[in-house]
């Protein structure tokens, strides 16, 4: 707001910032959410995973992760078409959201794969959540296709574990569930073995870098996440178009 005094009158002019604020909020929401399902997207999942790892390391709280993958989803798209597949993804998203806590973070990673972060939750309790989700999905009557199932992997973050290795263990457990017949959940802690990802040039957010300003820390984490694909493309000899896009 600007004002100017002229004699005994004061002239004032104000700029309406409501539209600008609303526009910025809409852009921020779009950046965090999956367009099809309305769930948080992969980018926001990585952001929150970094925050939860930092929190778990700082306060010694357990945190677990669940990966869910719809069984035989390609057959759905091939048989009934992508509009039916999209409808299933939307209904599956709402069904999963109804069967987790408000404090849990549900995201769509892409395709038919979903992930849930469970703060202050150990592997055993996370396994129970995965079973609740599996049962809810298996018993739900979806339009046209009627019944579908999903396979689940579960793992609790280990002390000083990197995000990549944690995620890999959850993913390994999910694929073990697929190999074992699908429509089930497997905890990594139940006897699975996973080879650690080889250490290379890879940046991972360290909670010691936090400034205490949420906006600044979010921007810095975003830069870290943007840097890793660039490094991978450079090392793999990708085209200039792919690297610079």
C-alpha atoms as a PDB file:
ATOM      1  CA  UNK A   1       0.000   0.000   0.000  1.00  0.00           C
ATOM      2  CA  UNK A   2       1.313   3.424  -0.948  1.00  0.00           C
ATOM      3  CA  UNK A   3       0.081   6.809   0.271  1.00  0.00           C
ATOM      4  CA  UNK A   4       0.723  10.446  -0.599  1.00  0.00           C
ATOM      5  CA  UNK A   5      -0.311  13.530   1.364  1.00  0.00           C
ATOM      6  CA  UNK A   6      -1.669  16.533  -0.509  1.00  0.00           C
ATOM      7  CA  UNK A   7      -2.848  19.411   1.669  1.00  0.00           C
ATOM      8  CA  UNK A   8      -5.360  18.086   4.143  1.00  0.00           C
ATOM      9  CA  UNK A   9      -6.118  15.010   2.046  1.00  0.00           C
ATOM     10  CA  UNK A  10      -4.258  11.726   1.955  1.00  0.00           C
ATOM     11  CA  UNK A  11      -4.436   9.715  -1.232  1.00  0.00           C
ATOM     12  CA  UNK A  12      -3.846   6.023  -0.833  1.00  0.00           C
ATOM     13  CA  UNK A  13      -3.470   3.217  -3.353  1.00  0.00           C
ATOM     14  CA  UNK A  14      -3.299  -0.481  -2.585  1.00  0.00           C
ATOM     15  CA  UNK A  15      -2.308  -3.376  -4.746  1.00  0.00           C
ATOM     16  CA  UNK A  16      -4.510  -6.412  -4.539  1.00  0.00           C
ATOM     17  CA  UNK A  17      -2.200  -9.267  -3.676  1.00  0.00           C
ATOM     18  CA  UNK A  18      -4.897 -11.872  -3.120  1.00  0.00           C
ATOM     19  CA  UNK A  19      -4.757 -13.180  -6.692  1.00  0.00           C
ATOM     20  CA  UNK A  20      -0.978 -13.419  -6.563  1.00  0.00           C
ATOM     21  CA  UNK A  21      -1.067 -15.285  -3.256  1.00  0.00           C
ATOM     22  CA  UNK A  22      -3.752 -17.660  -4.536  1.00  0.00           C
ATOM     23  CA  UNK A  23      -1.755 -18.272  -7.723  1.00  0.00           C
ATOM     24  CA  UNK A  24       1.396 -19.060  -5.751  1.00  0.00           C
ATOM     25  CA  UNK A  25      -0.503 -21.415  -3.463  1.00  0.00           C
ATOM     26  CA  UNK A  26      -2.004 -23.203  -6.463  1.00  0.00           C
ATOM     27  CA  UNK A  27       1.408 -23.634  -8.062  1.00  0.00           C
ATOM     28  CA  UNK A  28       2.819 -24.931  -4.792  1.00  0.00           C
ATOM     29  CA  UNK A  29      -0.020 -27.432  -4.470  1.00  0.00           C
ATOM     30  CA  UNK A  30       0.439 -28.615  -8.057  1.00  0.00           C
ATOM     31  CA  UNK A  31       4.166 -29.081  -7.439  1.00  0.00           C
ATOM     32  CA  UNK A  32       3.479 -31.364  -4.466  1.00  0.00           C
ATOM     33  CA  UNK A  33       0.520 -33.390  -5.731  1.00  0.00           C
ATOM     34  CA  UNK A  34      -0.045 -36.073  -8.328  1.00  0.00           C
ATOM     35  CA  UNK A  35      -2.430 -34.741 -10.960  1.00  0.00           C
ATOM     36  CA  UNK A  36      -4.361 -37.986 -11.482  1.00  0.00           C
ATOM     37  CA  UNK A  37      -4.961 -39.132  -7.908  1.00  0.00           C
ATOM     38  CA  UNK A  38      -4.536 -35.961  -5.868  1.00  0.00           C
ATOM     39  CA  UNK A  39      -2.049 -37.735  -3.612  1.00  0.00           C
ATOM     40  CA  UNK A  40       1.370 -36.348  -2.822  1.00  0.00           C
ATOM     41  CA  UNK A  41       3.817 -36.959  -5.656  1.00  0.00           C
ATOM     42  CA  UNK A  42       7.306 -38.454  -5.816  1.00  0.00           C
ATOM     43  CA  UNK A  43       8.999 -35.107  -5.241  1.00  0.00           C
ATOM     44  CA  UNK A  44       7.059 -34.440  -2.048  1.00  0.00           C
ATOM     45  CA  UNK A  45       7.656 -38.007  -0.904  1.00  0.00           C
ATOM     46  CA  UNK A  46      11.420 -37.512  -1.154  1.00  0.00           C
ATOM     47  CA  UNK A  47      11.134 -34.239   0.733  1.00  0.00           C
ATOM     48  CA  UNK A  48       9.155 -35.786   3.580  1.00  0.00           C
ATOM     49  CA  UNK A  49      11.333 -38.899   3.667  1.00  0.00           C
ATOM     50  CA  UNK A  50      14.394 -36.698   4.225  1.00  0.00           C
ATOM     51  CA  UNK A  51      12.570 -34.885   7.022  1.00  0.00           C
ATOM     52  CA  UNK A  52      11.463 -38.108   8.707  1.00  0.00           C
ATOM     53  CA  UNK A  53      14.947 -39.632   8.494  1.00  0.00           C
ATOM     54  CA  UNK A  54      16.371 -36.500  10.086  1.00  0.00           C
ATOM     55  CA  UNK A  55      13.708 -36.570  12.790  1.00  0.00           C
ATOM     56  CA  UNK A  56      14.207 -40.275  13.489  1.00  0.00           C
ATOM     57  CA  UNK A  57      17.969 -39.832  13.820  1.00  0.00           C
ATOM     58  CA  UNK A  58      17.598 -36.810  16.058  1.00  0.00           C
ATOM     59  CA  UNK A  59      14.936 -38.086  18.442  1.00  0.00           C
ATOM     60  CA  UNK A  60      15.522 -41.860  18.128  1.00  0.00           C
ATOM     61  CA  UNK A  61      11.970 -42.461  16.906  1.00  0.00           C
ATOM     62  CA  UNK A  62      11.204 -45.451  14.659  1.00  0.00           C
ATOM     63  CA  UNK A  63       9.938 -44.745  11.157  1.00  0.00           C
ATOM     64  CA  UNK A  64       8.771 -47.283   8.603  1.00  0.00           C
ATOM     65  CA  UNK A  65       7.919 -47.355   4.922  1.00  0.00           C
ATOM     66  CA  UNK A  66       5.396 -49.354   2.918  1.00  0.00           C
ATOM     67  CA  UNK A  67       5.484 -49.766  -0.862  1.00  0.00           C
ATOM     68  CA  UNK A  68       2.290 -51.020  -2.526  1.00  0.00           C
ATOM     69  CA  UNK A  69       2.090 -52.182  -6.133  1.00  0.00           C
ATOM     70  CA  UNK A  70      -1.172 -53.223  -7.843  1.00  0.00           C
ATOM     71  CA  UNK A  71      -1.019 -56.799  -9.125  1.00  0.00           C
ATOM     72  CA  UNK A  72      -1.377 -57.392 -12.886  1.00  0.00           C
ATOM     73  CA  UNK A  73      -2.278 -53.767 -13.511  1.00  0.00           C
ATOM     74  CA  UNK A  74      -1.004 -53.929 -17.086  1.00  0.00           C
ATOM     75  CA  UNK A  75      -3.737 -56.462 -17.834  1.00  0.00           C
ATOM     76  CA  UNK A  76      -6.333 -53.934 -16.662  1.00  0.00           C
ATOM     77  CA  UNK A  77      -5.093 -51.274 -19.076  1.00  0.00           C
ATOM     78  CA  UNK A  78      -4.705 -53.765 -21.925  1.00  0.00           C
ATOM     79  CA  UNK A  79      -8.171 -55.289 -21.412  1.00  0.00           C
ATOM     80  CA  UNK A  80     -10.366 -52.328 -20.463  1.00  0.00           C
ATOM     81  CA  UNK A  81      -8.259 -49.328 -21.462  1.00  0.00           C
ATOM     82  CA  UNK A  82      -6.450 -46.556 -19.621  1.00  0.00           C
ATOM     83  CA  UNK A  83      -9.591 -44.636 -18.533  1.00  0.00           C
ATOM     84  CA  UNK A  84     -10.638 -47.664 -16.480  1.00  0.00           C
ATOM     85  CA  UNK A  85      -7.101 -47.980 -15.143  1.00  0.00           C
ATOM     86  CA  UNK A  86      -7.093 -44.307 -14.161  1.00  0.00           C
ATOM     87  CA  UNK A  87     -10.416 -44.748 -12.371  1.00  0.00           C
ATOM     88  CA  UNK A  88      -8.977 -47.674 -10.397  1.00  0.00           C
ATOM     89  CA  UNK A  89      -5.941 -45.613  -9.413  1.00  0.00           C
ATOM     90  CA  UNK A  90      -8.206 -42.850  -8.130  1.00  0.00           C
ATOM     91  CA  UNK A  91     -10.393 -45.207  -6.111  1.00  0.00           C
ATOM     92  CA  UNK A  92      -7.359 -47.087  -4.796  1.00  0.00           C
ATOM     93  CA  UNK A  93      -5.853 -43.794  -3.630  1.00  0.00           C
ATOM     94  CA  UNK A  94      -8.960 -42.867  -1.662  1.00  0.00           C
ATOM     95  CA  UNK A  95      -9.254 -46.371  -0.236  1.00  0.00           C
ATOM     96  CA  UNK A  96      -5.670 -46.306   1.022  1.00  0.00           C
ATOM     97  CA  UNK A  97      -6.065 -42.811   2.462  1.00  0.00           C
ATOM     98  CA  UNK A  98      -9.082 -43.991   4.455  1.00  0.00           C
ATOM     99  CA  UNK A  99      -7.078 -46.813   6.051  1.00  0.00           C
ATOM    100  CA  UNK A 100      -4.036 -44.955   7.384  1.00  0.00           C
ATOM    101  CA  UNK A 101      -3.516 -42.314  10.070  1.00  0.00           C
ATOM    102  CA  UNK A 102      -3.614 -38.602   9.351  1.00  0.00           C
ATOM    103  CA  UNK A 103       0.043 -38.433  10.396  1.00  0.00           C
ATOM    104  CA  UNK A 104       1.064 -40.978   7.737  1.00  0.00           C
ATOM    105  CA  UNK A 105       2.231 -39.686   4.351  1.00  0.00           C
ATOM    106  CA  UNK A 106       0.698 -41.391   1.303  1.00  0.00           C
ATOM    107  CA  UNK A 107       2.196 -40.698  -2.122  1.00  0.00           C
ATOM    108  CA  UNK A 108       1.923 -42.060  -5.634  1.00  0.00           C
ATOM    109  CA  UNK A 109       5.344 -42.835  -7.035  1.00  0.00           C
ATOM    110  CA  UNK A 110       4.041 -43.298 -10.568  1.00  0.00           C
ATOM    111  CA  UNK A 111       2.222 -45.974 -12.537  1.00  0.00           C
ATOM    112  CA  UNK A 112       0.521 -48.388 -10.143  1.00  0.00           C
ATOM    113  CA  UNK A 113       3.004 -47.916  -7.290  1.00  0.00           C
ATOM    114  CA  UNK A 114       2.252 -46.153  -4.007  1.00  0.00           C
ATOM    115  CA  UNK A 115       4.310 -45.486  -0.888  1.00  0.00           C
ATOM    116  CA  UNK A 116       3.384 -44.750   2.721  1.00  0.00           C
ATOM    117  CA  UNK A 117       5.711 -43.169   5.285  1.00  0.00           C
ATOM    118  CA  UNK A 118       4.753 -44.052   8.863  1.00  0.00           C
ATOM    119  CA  UNK A 119       6.383 -41.775  11.468  1.00  0.00           C
ATOM    120  CA  UNK A 120       6.959 -43.166  14.964  1.00  0.00           C
ATOM    121  CA  UNK A 121       6.041 -46.657  13.742  1.00  0.00           C
ATOM    122  CA  UNK A 122       8.166 -49.799  13.966  1.00  0.00           C
ATOM    123  CA  UNK A 123       8.230 -52.604  11.432  1.00  0.00           C
ATOM    124  CA  UNK A 124       5.747 -54.809  13.245  1.00  0.00           C
ATOM    125  CA  UNK A 125       3.091 -52.101  13.428  1.00  0.00           C
ATOM    126  CA  UNK A 126       3.788 -51.080   9.839  1.00  0.00           C
ATOM    127  CA  UNK A 127       3.264 -54.700   8.806  1.00  0.00           C
ATOM    128  CA  UNK A 128      -0.158 -54.597  10.439  1.00  0.00           C
ATOM    129  CA  UNK A 129      -0.990 -51.432   8.470  1.00  0.00           C
ATOM    130  CA  UNK A 130       0.103 -53.117   5.243  1.00  0.00           C
ATOM    131  CA  UNK A 131      -2.178 -56.071   5.995  1.00  0.00           C
ATOM    132  CA  UNK A 132      -5.066 -53.683   6.700  1.00  0.00           C
ATOM    133  CA  UNK A 133      -4.490 -51.992   3.331  1.00  0.00           C
ATOM    134  CA  UNK A 134      -4.148 -55.328   1.519  1.00  0.00           C
ATOM    135  CA  UNK A 135      -7.403 -56.618   2.986  1.00  0.00           C
ATOM    136  CA  UNK A 136      -9.292 -53.398   2.216  1.00  0.00           C
ATOM    137  CA  UNK A 137      -8.168 -53.459  -1.424  1.00  0.00           C
ATOM    138  CA  UNK A 138      -8.800 -57.183  -1.944  1.00  0.00           C
ATOM    139  CA  UNK A 139     -12.364 -56.925  -0.600  1.00  0.00           C
ATOM    140  CA  UNK A 140     -13.322 -53.733  -2.461  1.00  0.00           C
ATOM    141  CA  UNK A 141     -15.558 -54.037  -5.541  1.00  0.00           C
ATOM    142  CA  UNK A 142     -14.070 -51.862  -8.271  1.00  0.00           C
ATOM    143  CA  UNK A 143     -16.291 -50.883 -11.223  1.00  0.00           C
ATOM    144  CA  UNK A 144     -15.962 -53.097 -14.320  1.00  0.00           C
ATOM    145  CA  UNK A 145     -12.970 -55.154 -13.107  1.00  0.00           C
ATOM    146  CA  UNK A 146     -14.663 -56.060  -9.809  1.00  0.00           C
ATOM    147  CA  UNK A 147     -11.684 -57.240  -7.757  1.00  0.00           C
ATOM    148  CA  UNK A 148      -7.992 -56.374  -7.814  1.00  0.00           C
ATOM    149  CA  UNK A 149      -5.162 -57.073  -5.393  1.00  0.00           C
ATOM    150  CA  UNK A 150      -1.879 -55.461  -4.435  1.00  0.00           C
ATOM    151  CA  UNK A 151       1.480 -56.606  -3.067  1.00  0.00           C
ATOM    152  CA  UNK A 152       3.270 -54.832  -0.222  1.00  0.00           C
ATOM    153  CA  UNK A 153       6.815 -54.428   1.041  1.00  0.00           C
ATOM    154  CA  UNK A 154       7.606 -53.098   4.520  1.00  0.00           C
ATOM    155  CA  UNK A 155      10.803 -52.054   6.294  1.00  0.00           C
ATOM    156  CA  UNK A 156      11.818 -49.931   9.264  1.00  0.00           C
ATOM    157  CA  UNK A 157      14.654 -47.428   8.938  1.00  0.00           C
ATOM    158  CA  UNK A 158      17.896 -48.709  10.447  1.00  0.00           C
ATOM    159  CA  UNK A 159      20.279 -46.598  12.467  1.00  0.00           C
ATOM    160  CA  UNK A 160      22.351 -44.309  10.218  1.00  0.00           C
ATOM    161  CA  UNK A 161      20.860 -45.927   7.106  1.00  0.00           C
ATOM    162  CA  UNK A 162      20.755 -43.957   3.869  1.00  0.00           C
ATOM    163  CA  UNK A 163      17.447 -43.297   2.164  1.00  0.00           C
ATOM    164  CA  UNK A 164      18.499 -45.256  -0.912  1.00  0.00           C
ATOM    165  CA  UNK A 165      19.267 -48.434   1.039  1.00  0.00           C
ATOM    166  CA  UNK A 166      16.107 -48.118   3.106  1.00  0.00           C
ATOM    167  CA  UNK A 167      13.998 -47.697  -0.010  1.00  0.00           C
ATOM    168  CA  UNK A 168      15.753 -50.625  -1.694  1.00  0.00           C
ATOM    169  CA  UNK A 169      14.967 -52.924   1.232  1.00  0.00           C
ATOM    170  CA  UNK A 170      11.275 -51.979   1.081  1.00  0.00           C
ATOM    171  CA  UNK A 171      11.267 -52.486  -2.683  1.00  0.00           C
ATOM    172  CA  UNK A 172      13.009 -55.862  -2.325  1.00  0.00           C
ATOM    173  CA  UNK A 173      10.343 -56.963   0.158  1.00  0.00           C
ATOM    174  CA  UNK A 174       7.586 -55.871  -2.215  1.00  0.00           C
ATOM    175  CA  UNK A 175       9.084 -57.855  -5.105  1.00  0.00           C
ATOM    176  CA  UNK A 176       9.438 -60.855  -2.818  1.00  0.00           C
ATOM    177  CA  UNK A 177       5.690 -60.576  -2.164  1.00  0.00           C
ATOM    178  CA  UNK A 178       5.140 -60.575  -5.929  1.00  0.00           C
ATOM    179  CA  UNK A 179       7.346 -63.626  -6.431  1.00  0.00           C
ATOM    180  CA  UNK A 180       5.606 -65.458  -3.584  1.00  0.00           C
ATOM    181  CA  UNK A 181       2.158 -65.267  -5.161  1.00  0.00           C
ATOM    182  CA  UNK A 182       1.058 -61.617  -4.871  1.00  0.00           C
ATOM    183  CA  UNK A 183      -1.807 -60.239  -2.750  1.00  0.00           C
ATOM    184  CA  UNK A 184       0.337 -60.259   0.374  1.00  0.00           C
ATOM    185  CA  UNK A 185       2.711 -58.128   2.404  1.00  0.00           C
ATOM    186  CA  UNK A 186       6.260 -59.031   3.388  1.00  0.00           C
ATOM    187  CA  UNK A 187       8.396 -57.281   5.975  1.00  0.00           C
ATOM    188  CA  UNK A 188      12.059 -57.035   5.135  1.00  0.00           C
ATOM    189  CA  UNK A 189      12.822 -57.903   8.744  1.00  0.00           C
ATOM    190  CA  UNK A 190      11.374 -61.400   8.199  1.00  0.00           C
ATOM    191  CA  UNK A 191      14.602 -62.972   6.979  1.00  0.00           C
ATOM    192  CA  UNK A 192      15.260 -61.087   3.729  1.00  0.00           C
ATOM    193  CA  UNK A 193      18.787 -60.084   2.696  1.00  0.00           C
ATOM    194  CA  UNK A 194      19.564 -57.089   0.492  1.00  0.00           C
ATOM    195  CA  UNK A 195      22.865 -56.039  -1.023  1.00  0.00           C
ATOM    196  CA  UNK A 196      23.687 -52.416  -0.136  1.00  0.00           C
ATOM    197  CA  UNK A 197      23.739 -49.997  -3.043  1.00  0.00           C
ATOM    198  CA  UNK A 198      27.393 -49.374  -4.014  1.00  0.00           C
ATOM    199  CA  UNK A 199      28.740 -46.075  -2.751  1.00  0.00           C
ATOM    200  CA  UNK A 200      29.449 -43.639  -5.561  1.00  0.00           C
ATOM    201  CA  UNK A 201      28.995 -40.000  -6.377  1.00  0.00           C
ATOM    202  CA  UNK A 202      25.596 -39.467  -4.851  1.00  0.00           C
ATOM    203  CA  UNK A 203      24.299 -36.646  -2.695  1.00  0.00           C
ATOM    204  CA  UNK A 204      21.969 -37.329   0.172  1.00  0.00           C
ATOM    205  CA  UNK A 205      20.478 -34.734   2.493  1.00  0.00           C
ATOM    206  CA  UNK A 206      22.173 -34.546   5.858  1.00  0.00           C
ATOM    207  CA  UNK A 207      20.189 -33.161   8.788  1.00  0.00           C
ATOM    208  CA  UNK A 208      23.336 -31.322   9.917  1.00  0.00           C
ATOM    209  CA  UNK A 209      22.871 -29.030   6.914  1.00  0.00           C
ATOM    210  CA  UNK A 210      19.517 -27.753   8.195  1.00  0.00           C
ATOM    211  CA  UNK A 211      19.360 -24.007   8.813  1.00  0.00           C
ATOM    212  CA  UNK A 212      16.172 -24.023  10.863  1.00  0.00           C
ATOM    213  CA  UNK A 213      14.287 -22.162   8.139  1.00  0.00           C
ATOM    214  CA  UNK A 214      11.794 -24.579   6.555  1.00  0.00           C
ATOM    215  CA  UNK A 215      11.631 -22.732   3.228  1.00  0.00           C
ATOM    216  CA  UNK A 216      15.415 -22.523   2.834  1.00  0.00           C
ATOM    217  CA  UNK A 217      15.881 -26.161   3.860  1.00  0.00           C
ATOM    218  CA  UNK A 218      13.191 -27.233   1.379  1.00  0.00           C
ATOM    219  CA  UNK A 219      14.958 -25.374  -1.435  1.00  0.00           C
ATOM    220  CA  UNK A 220      18.312 -26.914  -0.518  1.00  0.00           C
ATOM    221  CA  UNK A 221      16.855 -30.432  -0.422  1.00  0.00           C
ATOM    222  CA  UNK A 222      15.307 -29.772  -3.819  1.00  0.00           C
ATOM    223  CA  UNK A 223      18.718 -28.821  -5.227  1.00  0.00           C
ATOM    224  CA  UNK A 224      20.208 -32.027  -3.831  1.00  0.00           C
ATOM    225  CA  UNK A 225      17.454 -34.114  -5.428  1.00  0.00           C
ATOM    226  CA  UNK A 226      17.904 -32.310  -8.762  1.00  0.00           C
ATOM    227  CA  UNK A 227      21.651 -32.887  -8.674  1.00  0.00           C
ATOM    228  CA  UNK A 228      21.593 -36.684  -8.480  1.00  0.00           C
ATOM    229  CA  UNK A 229      19.805 -37.340 -11.808  1.00  0.00           C
ATOM    230  CA  UNK A 230      22.208 -34.885 -13.441  1.00  0.00           C
ATOM    231  CA  UNK A 231      25.217 -36.798 -12.081  1.00  0.00           C
ATOM    232  CA  UNK A 232      23.765 -40.136 -13.205  1.00  0.00           C
ATOM    233  CA  UNK A 233      23.107 -38.820 -16.729  1.00  0.00           C
ATOM    234  CA  UNK A 234      26.593 -37.338 -16.996  1.00  0.00           C
ATOM    235  CA  UNK A 235      28.270 -40.555 -15.828  1.00  0.00           C
ATOM    236  CA  UNK A 236      26.169 -42.709 -18.152  1.00  0.00           C
ATOM    237  CA  UNK A 237      27.004 -40.617 -21.212  1.00  0.00           C
ATOM    238  CA  UNK A 238      23.449 -39.447 -21.831  1.00  0.00           C
ATOM    239  CA  UNK A 239      22.752 -37.033 -24.654  1.00  0.00           C
ATOM    240  CA  UNK A 240      23.123 -33.298 -24.205  1.00  0.00           C
ATOM    241  CA  UNK A 241      19.381 -32.903 -24.769  1.00  0.00           C
ATOM    242  CA  UNK A 242      18.566 -35.245 -21.869  1.00  0.00           C
ATOM    243  CA  UNK A 243      21.076 -33.601 -19.527  1.00  0.00           C
ATOM    244  CA  UNK A 244      19.979 -30.035 -20.208  1.00  0.00           C
ATOM    245  CA  UNK A 245      16.220 -30.479 -20.409  1.00  0.00           C
END
